Structures are given as C-alpha cells and as structure tokens.
PDB file of all heavy atoms in Angstrom:
ATOM      1  N   PHE A   1     -12.588 -10.614  -6.801  1.00  0.00           N
ATOM      2  CA  PHE A   1     -13.607  -9.604  -7.092  1.00  0.00           C
ATOM      3  C   PHE A   1     -14.844 -10.203  -7.761  1.00  0.00           C
ATOM      4  O   PHE A   1     -15.904  -9.570  -7.766  1.00  0.00           O
ATOM      5  CB  PHE A   1     -13.028  -8.520  -8.001  1.00  0.00           C
ATOM      6  CG  PHE A   1     -12.183  -7.497  -7.298  1.00  0.00           C
ATOM      7  CD1 PHE A   1     -10.982  -7.847  -6.706  1.00  0.00           C
ATOM      8  CD2 PHE A   1     -12.593  -6.176  -7.218  1.00  0.00           C
ATOM      9  CE1 PHE A   1     -10.197  -6.913  -6.054  1.00  0.00           C
ATOM     10  CE2 PHE A   1     -11.820  -5.219  -6.567  1.00  0.00           C
ATOM     11  CZ  PHE A   1     -10.618  -5.597  -5.985  1.00  0.00           C
ATOM     12  N   GLY A   2     -14.715 -11.367  -8.342  1.00  0.00           N
ATOM     13  CA  GLY A   2     -15.857 -12.028  -8.946  1.00  0.00           C
ATOM     14  C   GLY A   2     -16.353 -11.410 -10.239  1.00  0.00           C
ATOM     15  O   GLY A   2     -17.485 -11.702 -10.673  1.00  0.00           O
ATOM     16  N   VAL A   3     -15.556 -10.551 -10.881  1.00  0.00           N
ATOM     17  CA  VAL A   3     -16.027  -9.872 -12.096  1.00  0.00           C
ATOM     18  C   VAL A   3     -15.059 -10.198 -13.245  1.00  0.00           C
ATOM     19  O   VAL A   3     -14.911 -11.356 -13.615  1.00  0.00           O
ATOM     20  CB  VAL A   3     -16.153  -8.340 -11.875  1.00  0.00           C
ATOM     21  CG1 VAL A   3     -16.928  -7.690 -13.014  1.00  0.00           C
ATOM     22  CG2 VAL A   3     -16.909  -8.051 -10.556  1.00  0.00           C
ATOM     23  N   TYR A   4     -14.377  -9.211 -13.804  1.00  0.00           N
ATOM     24  CA  TYR A   4     -13.479  -9.427 -14.937  1.00  0.00           C
ATOM     25  C   TYR A   4     -12.580  -8.209 -15.090  1.00  0.00           C
ATOM     26  O   TYR A   4     -12.992  -7.090 -14.774  1.00  0.00           O
ATOM     27  CB  TYR A   4     -14.282  -9.629 -16.228  1.00  0.00           C
ATOM     28  CG  TYR A   4     -13.443 -10.008 -17.422  1.00  0.00           C
ATOM     29  CD1 TYR A   4     -12.848 -11.271 -17.503  1.00  0.00           C
ATOM     30  CD2 TYR A   4     -13.229  -9.117 -18.460  1.00  0.00           C
ATOM     31  CE1 TYR A   4     -12.071 -11.622 -18.593  1.00  0.00           C
ATOM     32  CE2 TYR A   4     -12.457  -9.464 -19.556  1.00  0.00           C
ATOM     33  CZ  TYR A   4     -11.875 -10.717 -19.622  1.00  0.00           C
ATOM     34  OH  TYR A   4     -11.105 -11.067 -20.699  1.00  0.00           O
ATOM     35  N   GLY A   5     -11.364  -8.442 -15.579  1.00  0.00           N
ATOM     36  CA  GLY A   5     -10.441  -7.346 -15.813  1.00  0.00           C
ATOM     37  C   GLY A   5      -9.204  -7.456 -14.940  1.00  0.00           C
ATOM     38  O   GLY A   5      -9.020  -8.421 -14.190  1.00  0.00           O
ATOM     39  N   ALA A   6      -8.324  -6.452 -15.048  1.00  0.00           N
ATOM     40  CA  ALA A   6      -7.077  -6.445 -14.285  1.00  0.00           C
ATOM     41  C   ALA A   6      -6.619  -5.012 -14.074  1.00  0.00           C
ATOM     42  O   ALA A   6      -7.118  -4.087 -14.727  1.00  0.00           O
ATOM     43  CB  ALA A   6      -6.003  -7.248 -15.011  1.00  0.00           C
ATOM     44  N   TYR A   7      -5.656  -4.832 -13.171  1.00  0.00           N
ATOM     45  CA  TYR A   7      -5.143  -3.487 -12.900  1.00  0.00           C
ATOM     46  C   TYR A   7      -3.638  -3.519 -12.702  1.00  0.00           C
ATOM     47  O   TYR A   7      -3.049  -4.535 -12.336  1.00  0.00           O
ATOM     48  CB  TYR A   7      -5.806  -2.879 -11.657  1.00  0.00           C
ATOM     49  CG  TYR A   7      -5.505  -3.623 -10.375  1.00  0.00           C
ATOM     50  CD1 TYR A   7      -4.377  -3.321  -9.615  1.00  0.00           C
ATOM     51  CD2 TYR A   7      -6.360  -4.623  -9.911  1.00  0.00           C
ATOM     52  CE1 TYR A   7      -4.090  -4.008  -8.445  1.00  0.00           C
ATOM     53  CE2 TYR A   7      -6.086  -5.314  -8.738  1.00  0.00           C
ATOM     54  CZ  TYR A   7      -4.953  -5.004  -8.011  1.00  0.00           C
ATOM     55  OH  TYR A   7      -4.668  -5.689  -6.856  1.00  0.00           O
ATOM     56  N   ILE A   8      -3.037  -2.383 -12.956  1.00  0.00           N
ATOM     57  CA  ILE A   8      -1.635  -2.121 -12.618  1.00  0.00           C
ATOM     58  C   ILE A   8      -1.622  -0.879 -11.738  1.00  0.00           C
ATOM     59  O   ILE A   8      -2.278   0.119 -12.053  1.00  0.00           O
ATOM     60  CB  ILE A   8      -0.786  -1.861 -13.878  1.00  0.00           C
ATOM     61  CG1 ILE A   8      -0.751  -3.106 -14.763  1.00  0.00           C
ATOM     62  CG2 ILE A   8       0.625  -1.423 -13.496  1.00  0.00           C
ATOM     63  CD1 ILE A   8      -0.006  -4.281 -14.182  1.00  0.00           C
ATOM     64  N   CYS A   9      -0.894  -0.948 -10.631  1.00  0.00           N
ATOM     65  CA  CYS A   9      -0.726   0.219  -9.761  1.00  0.00           C
ATOM     66  C   CYS A   9       0.766   0.508  -9.598  1.00  0.00           C
ATOM     67  O   CYS A   9       1.583  -0.409  -9.554  1.00  0.00           O
ATOM     68  CB  CYS A   9      -1.355  -0.033  -8.390  1.00  0.00           C
ATOM     69  SG  CYS A   9      -3.163   0.018  -8.371  1.00  0.00           S
ATOM     70  N   GLY A  10       1.089   1.793  -9.520  1.00  0.00           N
ATOM     71  CA  GLY A  10       2.484   2.197  -9.350  1.00  0.00           C
ATOM     72  C   GLY A  10       2.615   3.699  -9.378  1.00  0.00           C
ATOM     73  O   GLY A  10       1.681   4.430  -9.011  1.00  0.00           O
ATOM     74  N   SER A  11       3.743   4.178  -9.842  1.00  0.00           N
ATOM     75  CA  SER A  11       3.986   5.618  -9.908  1.00  0.00           C
ATOM     76  C   SER A  11       3.218   6.243 -11.068  1.00  0.00           C
ATOM     77  O   SER A  11       2.818   5.562 -12.018  1.00  0.00           O
ATOM     78  CB  SER A  11       5.478   5.891 -10.083  1.00  0.00           C
ATOM     79  OG  SER A  11       5.908   5.448 -11.370  1.00  0.00           O
ATOM     80  N   ARG A  12       3.039   7.563 -11.007  1.00  0.00           N
ATOM     81  CA  ARG A  12       2.396   8.273 -12.124  1.00  0.00           C
ATOM     82  C   ARG A  12       3.215   8.111 -13.405  1.00  0.00           C
ATOM     83  O   ARG A  12       2.663   7.979 -14.498  1.00  0.00           O
ATOM     84  CB  ARG A  12       2.228   9.752 -11.778  1.00  0.00           C
ATOM     85  CG  ARG A  12       1.203  10.018 -10.681  1.00  0.00           C
ATOM     86  CD  ARG A  12       0.958  11.508 -10.499  1.00  0.00           C
ATOM     87  NE  ARG A  12       0.040  11.753  -9.398  1.00  0.00           N
ATOM     88  CZ  ARG A  12       0.417  11.892  -8.131  1.00  0.00           C
ATOM     89  NH1 ARG A  12       1.712  11.834  -7.812  1.00  0.00           N
ATOM     90  NH2 ARG A  12      -0.476  12.110  -7.181  1.00  0.00           N
ATOM     91  N   THR A  13       4.522   8.109 -13.249  1.00  0.00           N
ATOM     92  CA  THR A  13       5.389   7.955 -14.424  1.00  0.00           C
ATOM     93  C   THR A  13       5.173   6.593 -15.077  1.00  0.00           C
ATOM     94  O   THR A  13       5.086   6.492 -16.316  1.00  0.00           O
ATOM     95  CB  THR A  13       6.865   8.113 -14.025  1.00  0.00           C
ATOM     96  OG1 THR A  13       7.062   9.424 -13.480  1.00  0.00           O
ATOM     97  CG2 THR A  13       7.781   7.925 -15.227  1.00  0.00           C
ATOM     98  N   LEU A  14       5.086   5.543 -14.261  1.00  0.00           N
ATOM     99  CA  LEU A  14       4.827   4.204 -14.804  1.00  0.00           C
ATOM    100  C   LEU A  14       3.523   4.179 -15.584  1.00  0.00           C
ATOM    101  O   LEU A  14       3.469   3.669 -16.715  1.00  0.00           O
ATOM    102  CB  LEU A  14       4.773   3.183 -13.666  1.00  0.00           C
ATOM    103  CG  LEU A  14       4.239   1.796 -14.052  1.00  0.00           C
ATOM    104  CD1 LEU A  14       5.212   1.083 -14.970  1.00  0.00           C
ATOM    105  CD2 LEU A  14       3.940   0.960 -12.799  1.00  0.00           C
ATOM    106  N   ILE A  15       2.456   4.729 -15.008  1.00  0.00           N
ATOM    107  CA  ILE A  15       1.152   4.681 -15.657  1.00  0.00           C
ATOM    108  C   ILE A  15       1.164   5.509 -16.940  1.00  0.00           C
ATOM    109  O   ILE A  15       0.605   5.096 -17.971  1.00  0.00           O
ATOM    110  CB  ILE A  15       0.049   5.155 -14.694  1.00  0.00           C
ATOM    111  CG1 ILE A  15       0.019   4.242 -13.450  1.00  0.00           C
ATOM    112  CG2 ILE A  15      -1.295   5.159 -15.391  1.00  0.00           C
ATOM    113  CD1 ILE A  15      -0.089   2.753 -13.744  1.00  0.00           C
ATOM    114  N   ARG A  16       1.808   6.673 -16.927  1.00  0.00           N
ATOM    115  CA  ARG A  16       1.918   7.473 -18.158  1.00  0.00           C
ATOM    116  C   ARG A  16       2.653   6.699 -19.243  1.00  0.00           C
ATOM    117  O   ARG A  16       2.277   6.735 -20.424  1.00  0.00           O
ATOM    118  CB  ARG A  16       2.651   8.785 -17.868  1.00  0.00           C
ATOM    119  CG  ARG A  16       1.829   9.834 -17.116  1.00  0.00           C
ATOM    120  CD  ARG A  16       2.668  11.051 -16.793  1.00  0.00           C
ATOM    121  NE  ARG A  16       3.281  11.615 -17.997  1.00  0.00           N
ATOM    122  CZ  ARG A  16       4.430  12.286 -18.005  1.00  0.00           C
ATOM    123  NH1 ARG A  16       5.121  12.451 -16.871  1.00  0.00           N
ATOM    124  NH2 ARG A  16       4.912  12.782 -19.125  1.00  0.00           N
ATOM    125  N   TRP A  17       3.717   6.004 -18.856  1.00  0.00           N
ATOM    126  CA  TRP A  17       4.486   5.211 -19.807  1.00  0.00           C
ATOM    127  C   TRP A  17       3.623   4.117 -20.431  1.00  0.00           C
ATOM    128  O   TRP A  17       3.639   3.898 -21.647  1.00  0.00           O
ATOM    129  CB  TRP A  17       5.689   4.609 -19.100  1.00  0.00           C
ATOM    130  CG  TRP A  17       6.584   3.773 -19.967  1.00  0.00           C
ATOM    131  CD1 TRP A  17       6.672   2.412 -19.987  1.00  0.00           C
ATOM    132  CD2 TRP A  17       7.517   4.239 -20.937  1.00  0.00           C
ATOM    133  NE1 TRP A  17       7.594   1.992 -20.902  1.00  0.00           N
ATOM    134  CE2 TRP A  17       8.142   3.102 -21.506  1.00  0.00           C
ATOM    135  CE3 TRP A  17       7.907   5.512 -21.382  1.00  0.00           C
ATOM    136  CZ2 TRP A  17       9.110   3.193 -22.495  1.00  0.00           C
ATOM    137  CZ3 TRP A  17       8.874   5.602 -22.372  1.00  0.00           C
ATOM    138  CH2 TRP A  17       9.466   4.459 -22.919  1.00  0.00           C
ATOM    139  N   LEU A  18       2.848   3.434 -19.593  1.00  0.00           N
ATOM    140  CA  LEU A  18       1.998   2.356 -20.091  1.00  0.00           C
ATOM    141  C   LEU A  18       0.904   2.888 -21.021  1.00  0.00           C
ATOM    142  O   LEU A  18       0.589   2.258 -22.046  1.00  0.00           O
ATOM    143  CB  LEU A  18       1.368   1.598 -18.922  1.00  0.00           C
ATOM    144  CG  LEU A  18       2.337   0.837 -18.009  1.00  0.00           C
ATOM    145  CD1 LEU A  18       1.599   0.217 -16.842  1.00  0.00           C
ATOM    146  CD2 LEU A  18       3.112  -0.222 -18.787  1.00  0.00           C
ATOM    147  N   VAL A  19       0.330   4.010 -20.679  1.00  0.00           N
ATOM    148  CA  VAL A  19      -0.705   4.593 -21.537  1.00  0.00           C
ATOM    149  C   VAL A  19      -0.150   4.903 -22.924  1.00  0.00           C
ATOM    150  O   VAL A  19      -0.845   4.766 -23.943  1.00  0.00           O
ATOM    151  CB  VAL A  19      -1.285   5.874 -20.886  1.00  0.00           C
ATOM    152  CG1 VAL A  19      -2.135   6.656 -21.870  1.00  0.00           C
ATOM    153  CG2 VAL A  19      -2.116   5.495 -19.657  1.00  0.00           C
ATOM    154  N   ASN A  20       1.106   5.282 -22.972  1.00  0.00           N
ATOM    155  CA  ASN A  20       1.723   5.638 -24.249  1.00  0.00           C
ATOM    156  C   ASN A  20       2.351   4.462 -24.987  1.00  0.00           C
ATOM    157  O   ASN A  20       2.540   4.532 -26.206  1.00  0.00           O
ATOM    158  CB  ASN A  20       2.809   6.702 -24.021  1.00  0.00           C
ATOM    159  CG  ASN A  20       2.224   8.088 -23.841  1.00  0.00           C
ATOM    160  OD1 ASN A  20       1.963   8.787 -24.813  1.00  0.00           O
ATOM    161  ND2 ASN A  20       2.013   8.476 -22.583  1.00  0.00           N
ATOM    162  N   LYS A  21       2.661   3.374 -24.262  1.00  0.00           N
ATOM    163  CA  LYS A  21       3.464   2.311 -24.869  1.00  0.00           C
ATOM    164  C   LYS A  21       2.837   0.912 -24.838  1.00  0.00           C
ATOM    165  O   LYS A  21       3.245   0.051 -25.630  1.00  0.00           O
ATOM    166  CB  LYS A  21       4.822   2.242 -24.163  1.00  0.00           C
ATOM    167  CG  LYS A  21       5.712   3.465 -24.379  1.00  0.00           C
ATOM    168  CD  LYS A  21       6.221   3.535 -25.812  1.00  0.00           C
ATOM    169  CE  LYS A  21       7.227   4.661 -25.992  1.00  0.00           C
ATOM    170  NZ  LYS A  21       7.781   4.697 -27.373  1.00  0.00           N
ATOM    171  N   ALA A  22       1.918   0.634 -23.932  1.00  0.00           N
ATOM    172  CA  ALA A  22       1.411  -0.736 -23.762  1.00  0.00           C
ATOM    173  C   ALA A  22       0.411  -1.091 -24.869  1.00  0.00           C
ATOM    174  O   ALA A  22      -0.729  -0.636 -24.864  1.00  0.00           O
ATOM    175  CB  ALA A  22       0.766  -0.895 -22.386  1.00  0.00           C
ATOM    176  N   ARG A  23       0.860  -1.903 -25.804  1.00  0.00           N
ATOM    177  CA  ARG A  23       0.046  -2.231 -26.971  1.00  0.00           C
ATOM    178  C   ARG A  23      -1.290  -2.903 -26.626  1.00  0.00           C
ATOM    179  O   ARG A  23      -2.316  -2.594 -27.240  1.00  0.00           O
ATOM    180  CB  ARG A  23       0.856  -3.095 -27.937  1.00  0.00           C
ATOM    181  CG  ARG A  23       2.051  -2.346 -28.540  1.00  0.00           C
ATOM    182  CD  ARG A  23       2.981  -3.283 -29.287  1.00  0.00           C
ATOM    183  NE  ARG A  23       2.384  -3.792 -30.512  1.00  0.00           N
ATOM    184  CZ  ARG A  23       2.435  -3.178 -31.687  1.00  0.00           C
ATOM    185  NH1 ARG A  23       3.069  -2.007 -31.794  1.00  0.00           N
ATOM    186  NH2 ARG A  23       1.893  -3.720 -32.748  1.00  0.00           N
ATOM    187  N   PRO A  24      -1.343  -3.831 -25.645  1.00  0.00           N
ATOM    188  CA  PRO A  24      -2.645  -4.432 -25.320  1.00  0.00           C
ATOM    189  C   PRO A  24      -3.678  -3.421 -24.822  1.00  0.00           C
ATOM    190  O   PRO A  24      -4.874  -3.647 -24.974  1.00  0.00           O
ATOM    191  CB  PRO A  24      -2.289  -5.444 -24.226  1.00  0.00           C
ATOM    192  CG  PRO A  24      -0.875  -5.797 -24.490  1.00  0.00           C
ATOM    193  CD  PRO A  24      -0.244  -4.507 -24.929  1.00  0.00           C
ATOM    194  N   LEU A  25      -3.201  -2.320 -24.222  1.00  0.00           N
ATOM    195  CA  LEU A  25      -4.120  -1.258 -23.814  1.00  0.00           C
ATOM    196  C   LEU A  25      -4.493  -0.381 -25.000  1.00  0.00           C
ATOM    197  O   LEU A  25      -5.679  -0.108 -25.239  1.00  0.00           O
ATOM    198  CB  LEU A  25      -3.476  -0.409 -22.713  1.00  0.00           C
ATOM    199  CG  LEU A  25      -4.333   0.782 -22.260  1.00  0.00           C
ATOM    200  CD1 LEU A  25      -5.339   0.327 -21.232  1.00  0.00           C
ATOM    201  CD2 LEU A  25      -3.464   1.904 -21.727  1.00  0.00           C
ATOM    202  N   ILE A  26      -3.498   0.038 -25.754  1.00  0.00           N
ATOM    203  CA  ILE A  26      -3.709   0.996 -26.838  1.00  0.00           C
ATOM    204  C   ILE A  26      -4.613   0.427 -27.927  1.00  0.00           C
ATOM    205  O   ILE A  26      -5.497   1.124 -28.447  1.00  0.00           O
ATOM    206  CB  ILE A  26      -2.355   1.417 -27.438  1.00  0.00           C
ATOM    207  CG1 ILE A  26      -1.523   2.177 -26.389  1.00  0.00           C
ATOM    208  CG2 ILE A  26      -2.544   2.277 -28.691  1.00  0.00           C
ATOM    209  CD1 ILE A  26      -0.077   2.382 -26.781  1.00  0.00           C
ATOM    210  N   TYR A  27      -4.419  -0.844 -28.253  1.00  0.00           N
ATOM    211  CA  TYR A  27      -5.097  -1.417 -29.414  1.00  0.00           C
ATOM    212  C   TYR A  27      -6.254  -2.344 -29.050  1.00  0.00           C
ATOM    213  O   TYR A  27      -6.633  -3.207 -29.839  1.00  0.00           O
ATOM    214  CB  TYR A  27      -4.075  -2.148 -30.286  1.00  0.00           C
ATOM    215  CG  TYR A  27      -3.009  -1.220 -30.813  1.00  0.00           C
ATOM    216  CD1 TYR A  27      -1.698  -1.300 -30.358  1.00  0.00           C
ATOM    217  CD2 TYR A  27      -3.318  -0.236 -31.740  1.00  0.00           C
ATOM    218  CE1 TYR A  27      -0.723  -0.436 -30.826  1.00  0.00           C
ATOM    219  CE2 TYR A  27      -2.352   0.642 -32.209  1.00  0.00           C
ATOM    220  CZ  TYR A  27      -1.058   0.532 -31.750  1.00  0.00           C
ATOM    221  OH  TYR A  27      -0.102   1.404 -32.213  1.00  0.00           O
ATOM    222  N   SER A  28      -6.821  -2.165 -27.863  1.00  0.00           N
ATOM    223  CA  SER A  28      -7.974  -2.965 -27.445  1.00  0.00           C
ATOM    224  C   SER A  28      -9.163  -2.069 -27.121  1.00  0.00           C
ATOM    225  O   SER A  28      -8.997  -0.957 -26.601  1.00  0.00           O
ATOM    226  CB  SER A  28      -7.633  -3.798 -26.204  1.00  0.00           C
ATOM    227  OG  SER A  28      -6.692  -4.794 -26.505  1.00  0.00           O
ATOM    228  N   THR A  29     -10.343  -2.561 -27.411  1.00  0.00           N
ATOM    229  CA  THR A  29     -11.566  -1.853 -27.036  1.00  0.00           C
ATOM    230  C   THR A  29     -11.693  -1.818 -25.515  1.00  0.00           C
ATOM    231  O   THR A  29     -11.374  -2.798 -24.827  1.00  0.00           O
ATOM    232  CB  THR A  29     -12.788  -2.554 -27.650  1.00  0.00           C
ATOM    233  OG1 THR A  29     -12.664  -2.519 -29.081  1.00  0.00           O
ATOM    234  CG2 THR A  29     -14.085  -1.874 -27.250  1.00  0.00           C
ATOM    235  N   ALA A  30     -12.161  -0.712 -24.990  1.00  0.00           N
ATOM    236  CA  ALA A  30     -12.337  -0.567 -23.542  1.00  0.00           C
ATOM    237  C   ALA A  30     -13.381  -1.544 -23.025  1.00  0.00           C
ATOM    238  O   ALA A  30     -14.274  -1.975 -23.753  1.00  0.00           O
ATOM    239  CB  ALA A  30     -12.753   0.865 -23.218  1.00  0.00           C
ATOM    240  N   LEU A  31     -13.253  -1.889 -21.762  1.00  0.00           N
ATOM    241  CA  LEU A  31     -14.237  -2.768 -21.136  1.00  0.00           C
ATOM    242  C   LEU A  31     -15.628  -2.139 -21.179  1.00  0.00           C
ATOM    243  O   LEU A  31     -15.762  -0.913 -21.108  1.00  0.00           O
ATOM    244  CB  LEU A  31     -13.850  -3.057 -19.688  1.00  0.00           C
ATOM    245  CG  LEU A  31     -12.702  -4.046 -19.461  1.00  0.00           C
ATOM    246  CD1 LEU A  31     -12.260  -4.004 -18.004  1.00  0.00           C
ATOM    247  CD2 LEU A  31     -13.112  -5.448 -19.850  1.00  0.00           C
TER     248      LEU A  31
END
C-alpha cells in the first residue's frame, strides 16, 4: 500500500472482542 498501518479482518465477534481486549489498540493514539 505504500503508506502505514495494519488491519485485522474476520468475524464481527472477533472484531468486537479485539475492540474490548486488545491493549495495543485500546491504549494507543489513533492514526
């Protein structure tokens, strides 16, 4: 992509879980 960042794709349940539990997401400033 030539830019910066990363993504996770999967089920809605997986993404909801990560939003609630993934510390690098929760405790980092947004891009």
